[in-house]
Amino acid sequence: MEARDKQVLRSLRLELGAEVLVEGLVLQYLYQEGILTENHVQEINAQTTGLRKTMLLLDILPSRGPKAFDAFLDSLQEFPWVREKLKKARKEAMTDLPAGLFGGCEVASLFNAFEIWLIS
């Protein structure tokens, strides 16, 4: 998952937790798409409250690969207001990213490559 998407999930963590997102088809969709394993689903379902289930899902998602955020958005068919809030936060994060969030090394490499191109 991209750093920007991780930050979106982190910044909306409490709001997402309040929505009890794990009820319904969210977990099953994420399992179907290979984002969650069977063990993940069992571990999440073993939690005692909807809040704990959602928080565990939010803890697991960032480590589940580059398609996890988009699959999570797709899984939120029953929660269109949450999906829109996440999309809006993601779009704002894209426009608000300072250069440093691209990774100092990557930005420095781009500048170095540009300087080499100018010199050539």
N, C-alpha and C. Protein backbone atom coordinates (compact mmCIF):
# COMPACT_ATOMS: atom_id res chain seq x y z
N MET A 1 0.85 -1.17 0.00
CA MET A 1 0.00 0.00 0.00
C MET A 1 0.89 1.23 0.00
N GLU A 2 0.52 2.21 -0.77
CA GLU A 2 1.30 3.45 -0.86
C GLU A 2 1.25 4.21 0.47
N ALA A 3 2.30 4.96 0.73
CA ALA A 3 2.39 5.74 1.97
C ALA A 3 1.20 6.69 2.09
N ARG A 4 0.78 7.26 0.98
CA ARG A 4 -0.36 8.19 0.99
C ARG A 4 -1.62 7.49 1.48
N ASP A 5 -1.85 6.27 1.01
CA ASP A 5 -3.04 5.52 1.40
C ASP A 5 -2.98 5.10 2.86
N LYS A 6 -1.79 4.74 3.32
CA LYS A 6 -1.61 4.41 4.74
C LYS A 6 -1.94 5.61 5.60
N GLN A 7 -1.49 6.78 5.16
CA GLN A 7 -1.76 8.01 5.91
C GLN A 7 -3.26 8.32 5.94
N VAL A 8 -3.95 8.07 4.84
CA VAL A 8 -5.40 8.30 4.80
C VAL A 8 -6.09 7.40 5.82
N LEU A 9 -5.73 6.12 5.84
CA LEU A 9 -6.33 5.21 6.81
C LEU A 9 -6.02 5.63 8.23
N ARG A 10 -4.79 6.07 8.46
CA ARG A 10 -4.39 6.50 9.81
C ARG A 10 -5.16 7.75 10.23
N SER A 11 -5.31 8.70 9.32
CA SER A 11 -5.95 9.97 9.67
C SER A 11 -7.46 9.82 9.90
N LEU A 12 -8.06 8.80 9.29
CA LEU A 12 -9.50 8.58 9.45
C LEU A 12 -9.82 7.38 10.34
N ARG A 13 -8.82 6.89 11.04
CA ARG A 13 -8.95 5.66 11.83
C ARG A 13 -10.14 5.69 12.80
N LEU A 14 -10.27 6.73 13.58
CA LEU A 14 -11.35 6.78 14.56
C LEU A 14 -12.72 6.87 13.89
N GLU A 15 -12.80 7.64 12.82
CA GLU A 15 -14.07 7.74 12.09
C GLU A 15 -14.44 6.40 11.46
N LEU A 16 -13.45 5.73 10.89
CA LEU A 16 -13.71 4.43 10.28
C LEU A 16 -14.12 3.42 11.34
N GLY A 17 -13.48 3.47 12.50
CA GLY A 17 -13.82 2.56 13.59
C GLY A 17 -15.25 2.74 14.06
N ALA A 18 -15.72 3.96 14.05
CA ALA A 18 -17.08 4.25 14.48
C ALA A 18 -18.13 3.70 13.51
N GLU A 19 -17.73 3.42 12.30
CA GLU A 19 -18.66 2.93 11.28
C GLU A 19 -18.90 1.42 11.35
N VAL A 20 -18.14 0.68 12.13
CA VAL A 20 -18.26 -0.78 12.24
C VAL A 20 -18.30 -1.41 10.84
N LEU A 21 -17.22 -1.24 10.13
CA LEU A 21 -17.14 -1.63 8.73
C LEU A 21 -17.11 -3.13 8.47
N VAL A 22 -16.84 -3.91 9.49
CA VAL A 22 -16.67 -5.34 9.25
C VAL A 22 -17.98 -6.11 9.21
N GLU A 23 -19.08 -5.47 9.56
CA GLU A 23 -20.37 -6.14 9.43
C GLU A 23 -20.74 -6.13 7.95
N GLY A 24 -21.33 -7.19 7.50
CA GLY A 24 -21.71 -7.25 6.09
C GLY A 24 -20.66 -7.94 5.24
N LEU A 25 -20.48 -7.44 4.04
CA LEU A 25 -19.68 -8.14 3.04
C LEU A 25 -18.22 -7.67 2.93
N VAL A 26 -17.81 -6.72 3.71
CA VAL A 26 -16.47 -6.15 3.57
C VAL A 26 -15.40 -7.22 3.70
N LEU A 27 -15.42 -7.98 4.78
CA LEU A 27 -14.39 -9.00 4.99
C LEU A 27 -14.42 -10.06 3.90
N GLN A 28 -15.63 -10.49 3.53
CA GLN A 28 -15.74 -11.53 2.52
C GLN A 28 -15.22 -11.07 1.16
N TYR A 29 -15.48 -9.81 0.83
CA TYR A 29 -14.96 -9.27 -0.43
C TYR A 29 -13.43 -9.23 -0.40
N LEU A 30 -12.87 -8.75 0.70
CA LEU A 30 -11.42 -8.67 0.81
C LEU A 30 -10.78 -10.05 0.79
N TYR A 31 -11.46 -11.04 1.35
CA TYR A 31 -10.98 -12.42 1.30
C TYR A 31 -11.05 -12.94 -0.14
N GLN A 32 -12.18 -12.69 -0.80
CA GLN A 32 -12.36 -13.12 -2.18
C GLN A 32 -11.27 -12.56 -3.09
N GLU A 33 -10.89 -11.31 -2.86
CA GLU A 33 -9.90 -10.64 -3.71
C GLU A 33 -8.45 -10.97 -3.31
N GLY A 34 -8.29 -11.79 -2.29
CA GLY A 34 -6.94 -12.20 -1.88
C GLY A 34 -6.21 -11.18 -1.03
N ILE A 35 -6.93 -10.18 -0.57
CA ILE A 35 -6.31 -9.17 0.30
C ILE A 35 -6.16 -9.73 1.71
N LEU A 36 -7.19 -10.42 2.18
CA LEU A 36 -7.14 -11.06 3.49
C LEU A 36 -7.03 -12.56 3.31
N THR A 37 -6.33 -13.20 4.24
CA THR A 37 -6.26 -14.66 4.26
C THR A 37 -7.41 -15.19 5.12
N GLU A 38 -7.62 -16.48 5.08
CA GLU A 38 -8.63 -17.09 5.93
C GLU A 38 -8.31 -16.84 7.41
N ASN A 39 -7.02 -16.89 7.73
CA ASN A 39 -6.60 -16.62 9.12
C ASN A 39 -6.93 -15.18 9.53
N HIS A 40 -6.73 -14.23 8.63
CA HIS A 40 -7.08 -12.84 8.92
C HIS A 40 -8.57 -12.73 9.25
N VAL A 41 -9.40 -13.34 8.40
CA VAL A 41 -10.86 -13.25 8.59
C VAL A 41 -11.23 -13.87 9.94
N GLN A 42 -10.66 -15.02 10.27
CA GLN A 42 -10.96 -15.66 11.55
C GLN A 42 -10.50 -14.81 12.72
N GLU A 43 -9.31 -14.23 12.60
CA GLU A 43 -8.78 -13.40 13.68
C GLU A 43 -9.65 -12.15 13.89
N ILE A 44 -10.08 -11.55 12.80
CA ILE A 44 -10.94 -10.36 12.90
C ILE A 44 -12.29 -10.74 13.51
N ASN A 45 -12.88 -11.82 13.03
CA ASN A 45 -14.19 -12.24 13.54
C ASN A 45 -14.13 -12.69 15.00
N ALA A 46 -12.97 -13.07 15.48
CA ALA A 46 -12.82 -13.49 16.88
C ALA A 46 -12.84 -12.31 17.85
N GLN A 47 -12.71 -11.10 17.33
CA GLN A 47 -12.74 -9.92 18.20
C GLN A 47 -14.15 -9.76 18.79
N THR A 48 -14.20 -9.18 19.97
CA THR A 48 -15.47 -9.16 20.72
C THR A 48 -16.42 -8.04 20.34
N THR A 49 -15.94 -6.97 19.73
CA THR A 49 -16.82 -5.86 19.36
C THR A 49 -16.57 -5.45 17.92
N GLY A 50 -17.54 -4.78 17.35
CA GLY A 50 -17.38 -4.26 15.99
C GLY A 50 -16.22 -3.29 15.88
N LEU A 51 -16.03 -2.47 16.90
CA LEU A 51 -14.91 -1.53 16.90
C LEU A 51 -13.58 -2.26 16.85
N ARG A 52 -13.42 -3.27 17.69
CA ARG A 52 -12.16 -4.03 17.69
C ARG A 52 -11.93 -4.74 16.36
N LYS A 53 -13.00 -5.25 15.78
CA LYS A 53 -12.88 -5.92 14.47
C LYS A 53 -12.41 -4.93 13.42
N THR A 54 -13.03 -3.76 13.41
CA THR A 54 -12.66 -2.75 12.42
C THR A 54 -11.23 -2.28 12.64
N MET A 55 -10.84 -2.06 13.88
CA MET A 55 -9.48 -1.61 14.17
C MET A 55 -8.45 -2.64 13.74
N LEU A 56 -8.74 -3.92 13.96
CA LEU A 56 -7.82 -4.96 13.52
C LEU A 56 -7.72 -4.98 12.00
N LEU A 57 -8.85 -4.85 11.32
CA LEU A 57 -8.82 -4.76 9.86
C LEU A 57 -7.93 -3.60 9.41
N LEU A 58 -8.08 -2.45 10.05
CA LEU A 58 -7.27 -1.28 9.69
C LEU A 58 -5.80 -1.48 10.01
N ASP A 59 -5.50 -2.31 11.00
CA ASP A 59 -4.10 -2.65 11.31
C ASP A 59 -3.51 -3.58 10.25
N ILE A 60 -4.33 -4.48 9.72
CA ILE A 60 -3.86 -5.49 8.76
C ILE A 60 -3.72 -4.91 7.35
N LEU A 61 -4.67 -4.11 6.93
CA LEU A 61 -4.72 -3.64 5.53
C LEU A 61 -3.42 -3.04 4.99
N PRO A 62 -2.73 -2.15 5.73
CA PRO A 62 -1.54 -1.52 5.15
C PRO A 62 -0.44 -2.49 4.73
N SER A 63 -0.42 -3.68 5.29
CA SER A 63 0.63 -4.64 4.96
C SER A 63 0.20 -5.65 3.89
N ARG A 64 -0.95 -5.44 3.27
CA ARG A 64 -1.50 -6.45 2.38
C ARG A 64 -1.29 -6.16 0.89
N GLY A 65 -0.31 -5.33 0.57
CA GLY A 65 0.06 -5.16 -0.82
C GLY A 65 -0.50 -3.91 -1.47
N PRO A 66 -0.05 -3.66 -2.71
CA PRO A 66 -0.40 -2.42 -3.41
C PRO A 66 -1.87 -2.29 -3.80
N LYS A 67 -2.59 -3.39 -3.87
CA LYS A 67 -4.00 -3.33 -4.28
C LYS A 67 -4.95 -3.26 -3.09
N ALA A 68 -4.43 -3.29 -1.87
CA ALA A 68 -5.27 -3.38 -0.68
C ALA A 68 -6.20 -2.18 -0.52
N PHE A 69 -5.70 -0.98 -0.74
CA PHE A 69 -6.53 0.20 -0.53
C PHE A 69 -7.68 0.24 -1.54
N ASP A 70 -7.37 0.00 -2.80
CA ASP A 70 -8.42 0.02 -3.82
C ASP A 70 -9.44 -1.09 -3.59
N ALA A 71 -8.97 -2.27 -3.17
CA ALA A 71 -9.90 -3.35 -2.87
C ALA A 71 -10.77 -2.99 -1.67
N PHE A 72 -10.18 -2.31 -0.70
CA PHE A 72 -10.95 -1.86 0.46
C PHE A 72 -12.04 -0.89 0.01
N LEU A 73 -11.69 0.06 -0.85
CA LEU A 73 -12.70 0.97 -1.38
C LEU A 73 -13.82 0.20 -2.08
N ASP A 74 -13.44 -0.77 -2.89
CA ASP A 74 -14.44 -1.57 -3.62
C ASP A 74 -15.33 -2.35 -2.66
N SER A 75 -14.78 -2.76 -1.52
CA SER A 75 -15.54 -3.58 -0.56
C SER A 75 -16.61 -2.78 0.17
N LEU A 76 -16.55 -1.48 0.08
CA LEU A 76 -17.43 -0.61 0.86
C LEU A 76 -18.74 -0.28 0.14
N GLN A 77 -19.25 -1.22 -0.65
CA GLN A 77 -20.51 -0.99 -1.37
C GLN A 77 -21.66 -0.67 -0.43
N GLU A 78 -21.65 -1.26 0.75
CA GLU A 78 -22.72 -1.02 1.73
C GLU A 78 -22.51 0.28 2.51
N PHE A 79 -21.36 0.90 2.31
CA PHE A 79 -21.00 2.12 3.03
C PHE A 79 -20.52 3.20 2.06
N PRO A 80 -21.40 3.64 1.14
CA PRO A 80 -20.96 4.59 0.12
C PRO A 80 -20.44 5.91 0.70
N TRP A 81 -20.97 6.36 1.84
CA TRP A 81 -20.51 7.59 2.45
C TRP A 81 -19.07 7.44 2.97
N VAL A 82 -18.72 6.26 3.43
CA VAL A 82 -17.34 6.01 3.90
C VAL A 82 -16.41 5.96 2.70
N ARG A 83 -16.83 5.27 1.65
CA ARG A 83 -16.02 5.18 0.43
C ARG A 83 -15.72 6.56 -0.13
N GLU A 84 -16.74 7.42 -0.18
CA GLU A 84 -16.55 8.78 -0.70
C GLU A 84 -15.61 9.59 0.19
N LYS A 85 -15.73 9.43 1.49
CA LYS A 85 -14.84 10.14 2.41
C LYS A 85 -13.38 9.72 2.21
N LEU A 86 -13.17 8.41 2.01
CA LEU A 86 -11.82 7.90 1.77
C LEU A 86 -11.27 8.41 0.43
N LYS A 87 -12.11 8.39 -0.59
CA LYS A 87 -11.66 8.88 -1.90
C LYS A 87 -11.30 10.37 -1.84
N LYS A 88 -12.12 11.13 -1.13
CA LYS A 88 -11.85 12.56 -0.99
C LYS A 88 -10.54 12.79 -0.23
N ALA A 89 -10.34 12.05 0.85
CA ALA A 89 -9.11 12.20 1.63
C ALA A 89 -7.90 11.79 0.81
N ARG A 90 -8.05 10.76 0.00
CA ARG A 90 -6.95 10.31 -0.86
C ARG A 90 -6.61 11.37 -1.90
N LYS A 91 -7.64 11.95 -2.50
CA LYS A 91 -7.42 13.00 -3.51
C LYS A 91 -6.74 14.21 -2.88
N GLU A 92 -7.20 14.60 -1.68
CA GLU A 92 -6.57 15.73 -0.98
C GLU A 92 -5.12 15.41 -0.62
N ALA A 93 -4.86 14.17 -0.23
CA ALA A 93 -3.49 13.78 0.10
C ALA A 93 -2.59 13.84 -1.13
N MET A 94 -3.14 13.57 -2.29
CA MET A 94 -2.35 13.63 -3.53
C MET A 94 -1.97 15.07 -3.85
N THR A 95 -2.89 16.00 -3.61
CA THR A 95 -2.61 17.39 -3.96
C THR A 95 -1.81 18.11 -2.87
N ASP A 96 -1.85 17.58 -1.64
CA ASP A 96 -1.16 18.22 -0.52
C ASP A 96 0.21 17.64 -0.23
N LEU A 97 0.64 16.65 -0.99
CA LEU A 97 1.90 15.99 -0.67
C LEU A 97 3.09 16.93 -0.83
N PRO A 98 3.81 17.17 0.25
CA PRO A 98 5.07 17.91 0.09
C PRO A 98 6.09 17.01 -0.57
N ALA A 99 7.09 17.59 -1.14
CA ALA A 99 8.10 16.84 -1.88
C ALA A 99 8.71 15.75 -1.02
N GLY A 100 8.88 15.99 0.25
CA GLY A 100 9.52 15.02 1.13
C GLY A 100 8.76 13.71 1.24
N LEU A 101 7.46 13.70 1.00
CA LEU A 101 6.70 12.47 1.12
C LEU A 101 6.93 11.54 -0.05
N PHE A 102 7.54 12.03 -1.10
CA PHE A 102 7.88 11.14 -2.19
C PHE A 102 9.14 10.35 -1.86
N GLY A 103 9.73 10.64 -0.73
CA GLY A 103 10.97 9.97 -0.32
C GLY A 103 12.13 10.84 -0.73
N GLY A 104 12.85 11.34 0.24
CA GLY A 104 13.96 12.24 -0.04
C GLY A 104 14.93 11.70 -1.07
N CYS A 105 15.20 10.41 -1.01
CA CYS A 105 16.15 9.82 -1.94
C CYS A 105 15.61 9.86 -3.36
N GLU A 106 14.34 9.56 -3.52
CA GLU A 106 13.76 9.57 -4.85
C GLU A 106 13.77 10.98 -5.44
N VAL A 107 13.41 11.97 -4.64
CA VAL A 107 13.40 13.34 -5.12
C VAL A 107 14.83 13.77 -5.46
N ALA A 108 15.75 13.45 -4.58
CA ALA A 108 17.15 13.80 -4.85
C ALA A 108 17.63 13.12 -6.13
N SER A 109 17.23 11.87 -6.33
CA SER A 109 17.62 11.15 -7.54
C SER A 109 17.05 11.82 -8.78
N LEU A 110 15.82 12.28 -8.68
CA LEU A 110 15.22 12.97 -9.82
C LEU A 110 15.97 14.25 -10.14
N PHE A 111 16.31 15.00 -9.10
CA PHE A 111 17.06 16.24 -9.33
C PHE A 111 18.44 15.93 -9.91
N ASN A 112 19.09 14.90 -9.40
CA ASN A 112 20.40 14.52 -9.93
C ASN A 112 20.30 14.11 -11.39
N ALA A 113 19.28 13.34 -11.72
CA ALA A 113 19.11 12.91 -13.10
C ALA A 113 18.84 14.13 -13.99
N PHE A 114 18.07 15.08 -13.50
CA PHE A 114 17.79 16.28 -14.26
C PHE A 114 19.07 17.10 -14.47
N GLU A 115 19.88 17.22 -13.41
CA GLU A 115 21.15 17.95 -13.53
C GLU A 115 22.07 17.29 -14.55
N ILE A 116 22.15 15.95 -14.51
CA ILE A 116 22.99 15.23 -15.45
C ILE A 116 22.47 15.45 -16.88
N TRP A 117 21.16 15.45 -17.04
CA TRP A 117 20.60 15.68 -18.36
C TRP A 117 20.93 17.07 -18.86
N LEU A 118 20.86 18.07 -17.93
CA LEU A 118 21.19 19.43 -18.33
C LEU A 118 22.65 19.57 -18.75
N ILE A 119 23.52 18.91 -18.05
CA ILE A 119 24.96 19.00 -18.33
C ILE A 119 25.28 18.32 -19.66
N SER A 120 24.57 17.27 -19.98
CA SER A 120 24.87 16.47 -21.19
C SER A 120 24.59 17.21 -22.45
